[in-house]
Each structure stands twice: as structure tokens, then as C-alpha cells.
Amino acid sequence: SDADTPAFKGVYENAMLSAGAAIDASDYAMKNEFAFSLMRPPGHHAGRNSLGGFCYFNNIAVAVKKLLTSQIKVAILDIDVHHGNGTQDIFLGDEKVLFISLHQAPLYPGTGHNSEKNCFNFPLPPGTDETTYLKTLDTAIEKIKKFSPKVVGISVGFDTYHGDPLANFKLEKDSYKKIAKKISEIKAGKFAVLEGGYSQDLPELIGNFLEGIEQ
């Protein structure tokens, strides 16, 4: 364990439940129904043989690994403010998976400055506002459309919000509705997994995202 990811009592069971909920959400995506796992601990910093950044098991990676047994292509869109280093570690070089991460740089974990093989990274500076963010998201979504996945898994972090204590992006409450609407343009089954987001407005931000996905 590390300082952010301690081995406290019951954490294994909690982390297993979180990974299981991600699998359940991905099952809905295979039926073209949207589902969002609102479980924690989050997962995208957990790699093949590592944990960190509050993450024990990589929930979205566990779900995607199960989807891959159906011989399909899967895209992962990571919109947490931190780079999904663990997800990249797990899927780097896997031709059946496209991984895309939009994140703040510099910031923990200090990775994701460049794109590599099937992993496309979009590092953005502190202070990034909604206009810049949505423009970058458009580029990311075009890449996903070209890849033509059967399913898209979304690592949704709400720490891109201007009120979040752990980072420095400037997204507004309404931004999450707009982000979700753009993601809805992708013709594929979709599921989402909760990553970061530590402001008091988190419930409202999640509600806005869900509202945007449904329209």
C-alpha cells in the first residue's frame, strides 16, 4: 500500500464490490442500455501490479477485460482530472482497446504527457476552462468514432470542476451535461464508472452528467 491507499480493515471487500459494480454496468452496455457505477474506491491509478491514488483494483479495466472475452473492440474514455496511468499500464499495446485520457498536467501521477501505441493522452494546463476542454473532447470523440468500438467505458472524474480541492480546472456545473451530450454522439454501448471528484457539489455534478447522457 502507499500513503493514499492504505490497507485498512474491510478495504479488500469494498474494492471487490466496486470492481463488481463496474462489471454489472458493462453488462448493461452490451445490451445498449446505459449504466453508471457510483461505487468507490475508484480504480484508474491501479495498474497490473500496483495500486495508488486511492485505487486498489482498476474497476474499469476489470470490466473491460471481461468484455474482451466476447471478442469485441472497446474504447475507454478517461475524463478524470488525473491521468489514468493504471488503465494505460494494463492496456498499452492491446489492439482491441483504445484508451484516451484528458487530464491536467502537471499533476499527480506525473504521467500521460505523450501518446503511445493505442493510448492517446491529452494533457491540459491548470486553469483549463470549459471551451478548451470541450474542444479537446471533440478531438477525442472523433478518435473513438474512427475506432468503431462495440462498447465505450467512461472513467468519469468530477475533479475537473472549478470547486474541486485537488486540481485546477475551471469546469462549471453545466459542463458535465455538455460533456455527456457529446459522449452520447458515439454510436456504441456505453457504461460509466466513478473515479475522482471531491467537492461538496458532487451529487449535483453527477446528476447533470446523467441528465446529459439521457437526452
C-alpha atoms as a PDB file:
ATOM      1  CA  SER A   1       0.000   0.000   0.000  1.00  0.00           C
ATOM      2  CA  ASP A   2       1.008   3.659  -0.190  1.00  0.00           C
ATOM      3  CA  ALA A   3       0.096   6.677   1.966  1.00  0.00           C
ATOM      4  CA  ASP A   4      -3.004   7.452  -0.147  1.00  0.00           C
ATOM      5  CA  THR A   5      -4.064   3.825  -0.440  1.00  0.00           C
ATOM      6  CA  PRO A   6      -3.802   2.190   2.984  1.00  0.00           C
ATOM      7  CA  ALA A   7      -4.699  -1.416   3.779  1.00  0.00           C
ATOM      8  CA  PHE A   8      -7.442  -0.576   6.262  1.00  0.00           C
ATOM      9  CA  LYS A   9      -9.949  -3.094   7.597  1.00  0.00           C
ATOM     10  CA  GLY A  10     -12.558  -4.129   5.029  1.00  0.00           C
ATOM     11  CA  VAL A  11     -10.922  -2.388   2.077  1.00  0.00           C
ATOM     12  CA  TYR A  12     -10.488  -5.613   0.099  1.00  0.00           C
ATOM     13  CA  GLU A  13     -14.208  -6.354   0.320  1.00  0.00           C
ATOM     14  CA  ASN A  14     -15.117  -2.769  -0.585  1.00  0.00           C
ATOM     15  CA  ALA A  15     -12.747  -2.770  -3.549  1.00  0.00           C
ATOM     16  CA  MET A  16     -14.170  -6.096  -4.757  1.00  0.00           C
ATOM     17  CA  LEU A  17     -17.702  -4.647  -4.625  1.00  0.00           C
ATOM     18  CA  SER A  18     -16.555  -1.615  -6.612  1.00  0.00           C
ATOM     19  CA  ALA A  19     -14.974  -3.798  -9.316  1.00  0.00           C
ATOM     20  CA  GLY A  20     -18.076  -5.999  -9.405  1.00  0.00           C
ATOM     21  CA  ALA A  21     -20.350  -2.982  -9.877  1.00  0.00           C
ATOM     22  CA  ALA A  22     -18.238  -1.909 -12.871  1.00  0.00           C
ATOM     23  CA  ILE A  23     -18.763  -5.365 -14.408  1.00  0.00           C
ATOM     24  CA  ASP A  24     -22.517  -5.064 -13.812  1.00  0.00           C
ATOM     25  CA  ALA A  25     -22.557  -1.657 -15.537  1.00  0.00           C
ATOM     26  CA  SER A  26     -20.653  -3.050 -18.538  1.00  0.00           C
ATOM     27  CA  ASP A  27     -23.202  -5.869 -18.882  1.00  0.00           C
ATOM     28  CA  TYR A  28     -25.886  -3.227 -19.463  1.00  0.00           C
ATOM     29  CA  ALA A  29     -23.716  -1.614 -22.152  1.00  0.00           C
ATOM     30  CA  MET A  30     -23.651  -4.901 -24.075  1.00  0.00           C
ATOM     31  CA  LYS A  31     -27.460  -4.628 -24.212  1.00  0.00           C
ATOM     32  CA  ASN A  32     -27.246  -0.997 -25.387  1.00  0.00           C
ATOM     33  CA  GLU A  33     -28.523   0.285 -22.056  1.00  0.00           C
ATOM     34  CA  PHE A  34     -26.527   2.921 -20.191  1.00  0.00           C
ATOM     35  CA  ALA A  35     -25.434   2.225 -16.617  1.00  0.00           C
ATOM     36  CA  PHE A  36     -23.216   4.199 -14.216  1.00  0.00           C
ATOM     37  CA  SER A  37     -21.427   2.510 -11.309  1.00  0.00           C
ATOM     38  CA  LEU A  38     -21.374   5.025  -8.454  1.00  0.00           C
ATOM     39  CA  MET A  39     -19.103   2.878  -6.296  1.00  0.00           C
ATOM     40  CA  ARG A  40     -15.812   3.667  -4.646  1.00  0.00           C
ATOM     41  CA  PRO A  41     -12.907   3.138  -4.141  1.00  0.00           C
ATOM     42  CA  PRO A  42     -12.066   4.402  -7.642  1.00  0.00           C
ATOM     43  CA  GLY A  43      -9.721   2.487  -9.896  1.00  0.00           C
ATOM     44  CA  HIS A  44      -7.849   4.182 -12.715  1.00  0.00           C
ATOM     45  CA  HIS A  45      -4.500   4.555 -10.894  1.00  0.00           C
ATOM     46  CA  ALA A  46      -4.284   0.816 -10.153  1.00  0.00           C
ATOM     47  CA  GLY A  47      -2.013  -0.933 -12.659  1.00  0.00           C
ATOM     48  CA  ARG A  48      -1.079  -4.521 -13.444  1.00  0.00           C
ATOM     49  CA  ASN A  49       0.967  -4.907 -10.271  1.00  0.00           C
ATOM     50  CA  SER A  50       0.445  -1.634  -8.453  1.00  0.00           C
ATOM     51  CA  LEU A  51      -2.074   0.413  -6.503  1.00  0.00           C
ATOM     52  CA  GLY A  52      -2.105   4.083  -5.568  1.00  0.00           C
ATOM     53  CA  GLY A  53      -4.063   7.319  -5.615  1.00  0.00           C
ATOM     54  CA  PHE A  54      -6.992   5.845  -3.607  1.00  0.00           C
ATOM     55  CA  CYS A  55      -7.248   2.964  -6.158  1.00  0.00           C
ATOM     56  CA  TYR A  56      -6.969  -0.736  -5.239  1.00  0.00           C
ATOM     57  CA  PHE A  57      -8.390  -2.615  -8.248  1.00  0.00           C
ATOM     58  CA  ASN A  58      -8.772  -0.969 -11.636  1.00  0.00           C
ATOM     59  CA  ASN A  59     -12.554  -1.221 -11.838  1.00  0.00           C
ATOM     60  CA  ILE A  60     -12.966  -0.151 -15.444  1.00  0.00           C
ATOM     61  CA  ALA A  61     -10.100  -2.396 -16.568  1.00  0.00           C
ATOM     62  CA  VAL A  62     -11.644  -5.406 -14.822  1.00  0.00           C
ATOM     63  CA  ALA A  63     -14.945  -4.733 -16.619  1.00  0.00           C
ATOM     64  CA  VAL A  64     -13.251  -4.214 -19.983  1.00  0.00           C
ATOM     65  CA  LYS A  65     -11.186  -7.400 -19.613  1.00  0.00           C
ATOM     66  CA  LYS A  66     -14.458  -9.302 -19.193  1.00  0.00           C
ATOM     67  CA  LEU A  67     -15.954  -7.571 -22.268  1.00  0.00           C
ATOM     68  CA  LEU A  68     -12.921  -8.561 -24.334  1.00  0.00           C
ATOM     69  CA  THR A  69     -13.772 -12.235 -23.830  1.00  0.00           C
ATOM     70  CA  SER A  70     -16.671 -11.566 -26.252  1.00  0.00           C
ATOM     71  CA  GLN A  71     -14.113 -10.742 -28.976  1.00  0.00           C
ATOM     72  CA  ILE A  72     -15.206  -7.117 -29.341  1.00  0.00           C
ATOM     73  CA  LYS A  73     -13.410  -3.776 -29.525  1.00  0.00           C
ATOM     74  CA  VAL A  74     -13.728  -1.461 -26.524  1.00  0.00           C
ATOM     75  CA  ALA A  75     -12.802   2.196 -26.089  1.00  0.00           C
ATOM     76  CA  ILE A  76     -12.075   3.724 -22.692  1.00  0.00           C
ATOM     77  CA  LEU A  77     -12.534   7.468 -22.266  1.00  0.00           C
ATOM     78  CA  ASP A  78     -10.986   8.778 -19.055  1.00  0.00           C
ATOM     79  CA  ILE A  79     -12.212  12.263 -18.113  1.00  0.00           C
ATOM     80  CA  ASP A  80     -10.892  12.363 -14.563  1.00  0.00           C
ATOM     81  CA  VAL A  81      -8.579  15.343 -13.968  1.00  0.00           C
ATOM     82  CA  HIS A  82      -5.700  12.929 -13.240  1.00  0.00           C
ATOM     83  CA  HIS A  83      -4.100  10.704 -15.886  1.00  0.00           C
ATOM     84  CA  GLY A  84      -5.390   7.130 -15.853  1.00  0.00           C
ATOM     85  CA  ASN A  85      -1.892   5.685 -15.561  1.00  0.00           C
ATOM     86  CA  GLY A  86      -3.098   2.323 -14.274  1.00  0.00           C
ATOM     87  CA  THR A  87      -5.538   1.826 -17.153  1.00  0.00           C
ATOM     88  CA  GLN A  88      -2.813   2.712 -19.639  1.00  0.00           C
ATOM     89  CA  ASP A  89      -0.424   0.288 -17.941  1.00  0.00           C
ATOM     90  CA  ILE A  90      -2.956  -2.537 -18.299  1.00  0.00           C
ATOM     91  CA  PHE A  91      -3.996  -1.961 -21.928  1.00  0.00           C
ATOM     92  CA  LEU A  92      -0.913  -0.472 -23.606  1.00  0.00           C
ATOM     93  CA  GLY A  93      -0.414  -2.277 -26.921  1.00  0.00           C
ATOM     94  CA  ASP A  94      -3.776  -4.099 -26.876  1.00  0.00           C
ATOM     95  CA  GLU A  95      -5.217  -3.612 -30.379  1.00  0.00           C
ATOM     96  CA  LYS A  96      -8.750  -4.418 -29.201  1.00  0.00           C
ATOM     97  CA  VAL A  97      -8.714  -1.442 -26.812  1.00  0.00           C
ATOM     98  CA  LEU A  98      -8.452   2.293 -27.438  1.00  0.00           C
ATOM     99  CA  PHE A  99      -7.565   4.321 -24.336  1.00  0.00           C
ATOM    100  CA  ILE A 100      -7.999   8.096 -24.261  1.00  0.00           C
ATOM    101  CA  SER A 101      -7.298  10.339 -21.275  1.00  0.00           C
ATOM    102  CA  LEU A 102      -7.935  14.080 -20.870  1.00  0.00           C
ATOM    103  CA  HIS A 103      -6.127  15.321 -17.778  1.00  0.00           C
ATOM    104  CA  GLN A 104      -4.292  18.163 -16.081  1.00  0.00           C
ATOM    105  CA  ALA A 105      -0.509  18.318 -16.418  1.00  0.00           C
ATOM    106  CA  PRO A 106       1.494  18.852 -14.328  1.00  0.00           C
ATOM    107  CA  LEU A 107      -0.400  16.929 -11.650  1.00  0.00           C
ATOM    108  CA  TYR A 108      -0.386  13.541  -9.888  1.00  0.00           C
ATOM    109  CA  PRO A 109       0.660  10.912 -11.015  1.00  0.00           C
ATOM    110  CA  GLY A 110       3.014  12.790 -13.370  1.00  0.00           C
ATOM    111  CA  THR A 111       2.355  10.567 -16.392  1.00  0.00           C
ATOM    112  CA  GLY A 112       0.377  10.921 -19.629  1.00  0.00           C
ATOM    113  CA  HIS A 113       2.421  13.637 -21.310  1.00  0.00           C
ATOM    114  CA  ASN A 114       2.636  11.748 -24.603  1.00  0.00           C
ATOM    115  CA  SER A 115       0.537   9.320 -26.624  1.00  0.00           C
ATOM    116  CA  GLU A 116       1.823   5.802 -27.121  1.00  0.00           C
ATOM    117  CA  LYS A 117       0.537   2.977 -29.332  1.00  0.00           C
ATOM    118  CA  ASN A 118      -3.210   2.585 -28.608  1.00  0.00           C
ATOM    119  CA  CYS A 119      -3.167   5.081 -25.713  1.00  0.00           C
ATOM    120  CA  PHE A 120      -3.890   8.712 -26.606  1.00  0.00           C
ATOM    121  CA  ASN A 121      -3.212  11.355 -23.996  1.00  0.00           C
ATOM    122  CA  PHE A 122      -4.433  14.935 -23.962  1.00  0.00           C
ATOM    123  CA  PRO A 123      -2.555  16.786 -21.201  1.00  0.00           C
ATOM    124  CA  LEU A 124      -4.118  20.193 -20.471  1.00  0.00           C
ATOM    125  CA  PRO A 125      -2.716  23.029 -18.351  1.00  0.00           C
ATOM    126  CA  PRO A 126      -4.003  24.178 -14.951  1.00  0.00           C
ATOM    127  CA  GLY A 127      -6.789  26.712 -15.442  1.00  0.00           C
ATOM    128  CA  THR A 128      -8.306  24.917 -18.454  1.00  0.00           C
ATOM    129  CA  ASP A 129     -11.840  26.210 -18.989  1.00  0.00           C
ATOM    130  CA  GLU A 130     -14.972  24.646 -20.471  1.00  0.00           C
ATOM    131  CA  THR A 131     -14.372  25.953 -24.020  1.00  0.00           C
ATOM    132  CA  THR A 132     -10.885  24.451 -24.290  1.00  0.00           C
ATOM    133  CA  TYR A 133     -11.965  21.252 -22.575  1.00  0.00           C
ATOM    134  CA  LEU A 134     -14.951  20.610 -24.847  1.00  0.00           C
ATOM    135  CA  LYS A 135     -12.859  21.314 -27.954  1.00  0.00           C
ATOM    136  CA  THR A 136     -10.300  18.727 -26.801  1.00  0.00           C
ATOM    137  CA  LEU A 137     -13.119  16.297 -26.014  1.00  0.00           C
ATOM    138  CA  ASP A 138     -14.400  16.683 -29.601  1.00  0.00           C
ATOM    139  CA  THR A 139     -10.990  15.538 -30.884  1.00  0.00           C
ATOM    140  CA  ALA A 140     -11.035  12.569 -28.512  1.00  0.00           C
ATOM    141  CA  ILE A 141     -14.550  11.566 -29.554  1.00  0.00           C
ATOM    142  CA  GLU A 142     -13.575  11.648 -33.239  1.00  0.00           C
ATOM    143  CA  LYS A 143     -10.787   9.170 -32.456  1.00  0.00           C
ATOM    144  CA  ILE A 144     -13.283   6.882 -30.720  1.00  0.00           C
ATOM    145  CA  LYS A 145     -15.728   7.067 -33.649  1.00  0.00           C
ATOM    146  CA  LYS A 146     -12.930   6.079 -36.066  1.00  0.00           C
ATOM    147  CA  PHE A 147     -12.058   3.108 -33.864  1.00  0.00           C
ATOM    148  CA  SER A 148     -15.715   1.919 -34.036  1.00  0.00           C
ATOM    149  CA  PRO A 149     -15.908   0.125 -30.690  1.00  0.00           C
ATOM    150  CA  LYS A 150     -18.836  -2.062 -29.701  1.00  0.00           C
ATOM    151  CA  VAL A 151     -18.687  -0.566 -26.186  1.00  0.00           C
ATOM    152  CA  VAL A 152     -17.296   2.623 -24.654  1.00  0.00           C
ATOM    153  CA  GLY A 153     -16.362   2.622 -20.974  1.00  0.00           C
ATOM    154  CA  ILE A 154     -16.081   6.056 -19.372  1.00  0.00           C
ATOM    155  CA  SER A 155     -13.909   6.730 -16.336  1.00  0.00           C
ATOM    156  CA  VAL A 156     -15.799   9.745 -15.005  1.00  0.00           C
ATOM    157  CA  GLY A 157     -13.996  12.007 -12.586  1.00  0.00           C
ATOM    158  CA  PHE A 158     -15.668  15.179 -11.352  1.00  0.00           C
ATOM    159  CA  ASP A 159     -12.399  16.664 -10.073  1.00  0.00           C
ATOM    160  CA  THR A 160     -12.274  18.793 -13.251  1.00  0.00           C
ATOM    161  CA  TYR A 161     -14.837  21.053 -11.514  1.00  0.00           C
ATOM    162  CA  HIS A 162     -13.693  24.554 -10.510  1.00  0.00           C
ATOM    163  CA  GLY A 163     -14.680  23.876  -6.886  1.00  0.00           C
ATOM    164  CA  ASP A 164     -12.641  20.699  -6.519  1.00  0.00           C
ATOM    165  CA  PRO A 165      -9.877  20.885  -3.883  1.00  0.00           C
ATOM    166  CA  LEU A 166      -7.417  18.520  -5.602  1.00  0.00           C
ATOM    167  CA  ALA A 167      -6.909  20.160  -9.022  1.00  0.00           C
ATOM    168  CA  ASN A 168      -7.091  23.371 -11.027  1.00  0.00           C
ATOM    169  CA  PHE A 169      -9.516  23.023 -13.952  1.00  0.00           C
ATOM    170  CA  LYS A 170     -12.367  25.505 -14.307  1.00  0.00           C
ATOM    171  CA  LEU A 171     -15.354  23.440 -15.451  1.00  0.00           C
ATOM    172  CA  GLU A 172     -18.815  24.623 -14.357  1.00  0.00           C
ATOM    173  CA  LYS A 173     -21.791  22.614 -13.090  1.00  0.00           C
ATOM    174  CA  ASP A 174     -23.398  22.681 -16.550  1.00  0.00           C
ATOM    175  CA  SER A 175     -20.185  21.470 -18.192  1.00  0.00           C
ATOM    176  CA  TYR A 176     -20.976  17.875 -17.224  1.00  0.00           C
ATOM    177  CA  LYS A 177     -24.281  17.972 -19.076  1.00  0.00           C
ATOM    178  CA  LYS A 178     -22.431  19.185 -22.190  1.00  0.00           C
ATOM    179  CA  ILE A 179     -19.718  16.540 -21.811  1.00  0.00           C
ATOM    180  CA  ALA A 180     -22.340  13.790 -21.517  1.00  0.00           C
ATOM    181  CA  LYS A 181     -24.231  15.045 -24.583  1.00  0.00           C
ATOM    182  CA  LYS A 182     -21.033  14.885 -26.635  1.00  0.00           C
ATOM    183  CA  ILE A 183     -20.341  11.343 -25.409  1.00  0.00           C
ATOM    184  CA  SER A 184     -23.910  10.408 -26.388  1.00  0.00           C
ATOM    185  CA  GLU A 185     -22.991  11.082 -30.044  1.00  0.00           C
ATOM    186  CA  ILE A 186     -20.860   7.922 -30.079  1.00  0.00           C
ATOM    187  CA  LYS A 187     -22.804   5.027 -31.580  1.00  0.00           C
ATOM    188  CA  ALA A 188     -21.872   2.252 -29.163  1.00  0.00           C
ATOM    189  CA  GLY A 189     -22.989   0.676 -25.910  1.00  0.00           C
ATOM    190  CA  LYS A 190     -21.830   2.835 -23.007  1.00  0.00           C
ATOM    191  CA  PHE A 191     -21.191   2.469 -19.312  1.00  0.00           C
ATOM    192  CA  ALA A 192     -19.541   4.748 -16.787  1.00  0.00           C
ATOM    193  CA  VAL A 193     -17.527   4.193 -13.627  1.00  0.00           C
ATOM    194  CA  LEU A 194     -16.999   6.832 -10.937  1.00  0.00           C
ATOM    195  CA  GLU A 195     -13.395   7.909 -10.391  1.00  0.00           C
ATOM    196  CA  GLY A 196     -12.481  11.149  -8.560  1.00  0.00           C
ATOM    197  CA  GLY A 197     -14.459  14.203  -7.520  1.00  0.00           C
ATOM    198  CA  TYR A 198     -14.219  15.658  -4.047  1.00  0.00           C
ATOM    199  CA  SER A 199     -16.275  18.855  -3.926  1.00  0.00           C
ATOM    200  CA  GLN A 200     -19.492  19.279  -1.965  1.00  0.00           C
ATOM    201  CA  ASP A 201     -21.315  19.694  -5.280  1.00  0.00           C
ATOM    202  CA  LEU A 202     -20.518  16.130  -6.382  1.00  0.00           C
ATOM    203  CA  PRO A 203     -24.151  14.844  -6.270  1.00  0.00           C
ATOM    204  CA  GLU A 204     -25.299  17.733  -8.473  1.00  0.00           C
ATOM    205  CA  LEU A 205     -22.431  17.197 -10.929  1.00  0.00           C
ATOM    206  CA  ILE A 206     -23.292  13.500 -11.234  1.00  0.00           C
ATOM    207  CA  GLY A 207     -26.951  14.416 -11.766  1.00  0.00           C
ATOM    208  CA  ASN A 208     -26.020  16.796 -14.581  1.00  0.00           C
ATOM    209  CA  PHE A 209     -23.889  14.136 -16.264  1.00  0.00           C
ATOM    210  CA  LEU A 210     -26.720  11.612 -16.095  1.00  0.00           C
ATOM    211  CA  GLU A 211     -29.177  14.161 -17.455  1.00  0.00           C
ATOM    212  CA  GLY A 212     -26.892  14.859 -20.414  1.00  0.00           C
ATOM    213  CA  ILE A 213     -26.429  11.157 -21.228  1.00  0.00           C
ATOM    214  CA  GLU A 214     -30.154  10.511 -21.309  1.00  0.00           C
ATOM    215  CA  GLN A 215     -31.018  13.184 -23.895  1.00  0.00           C
END
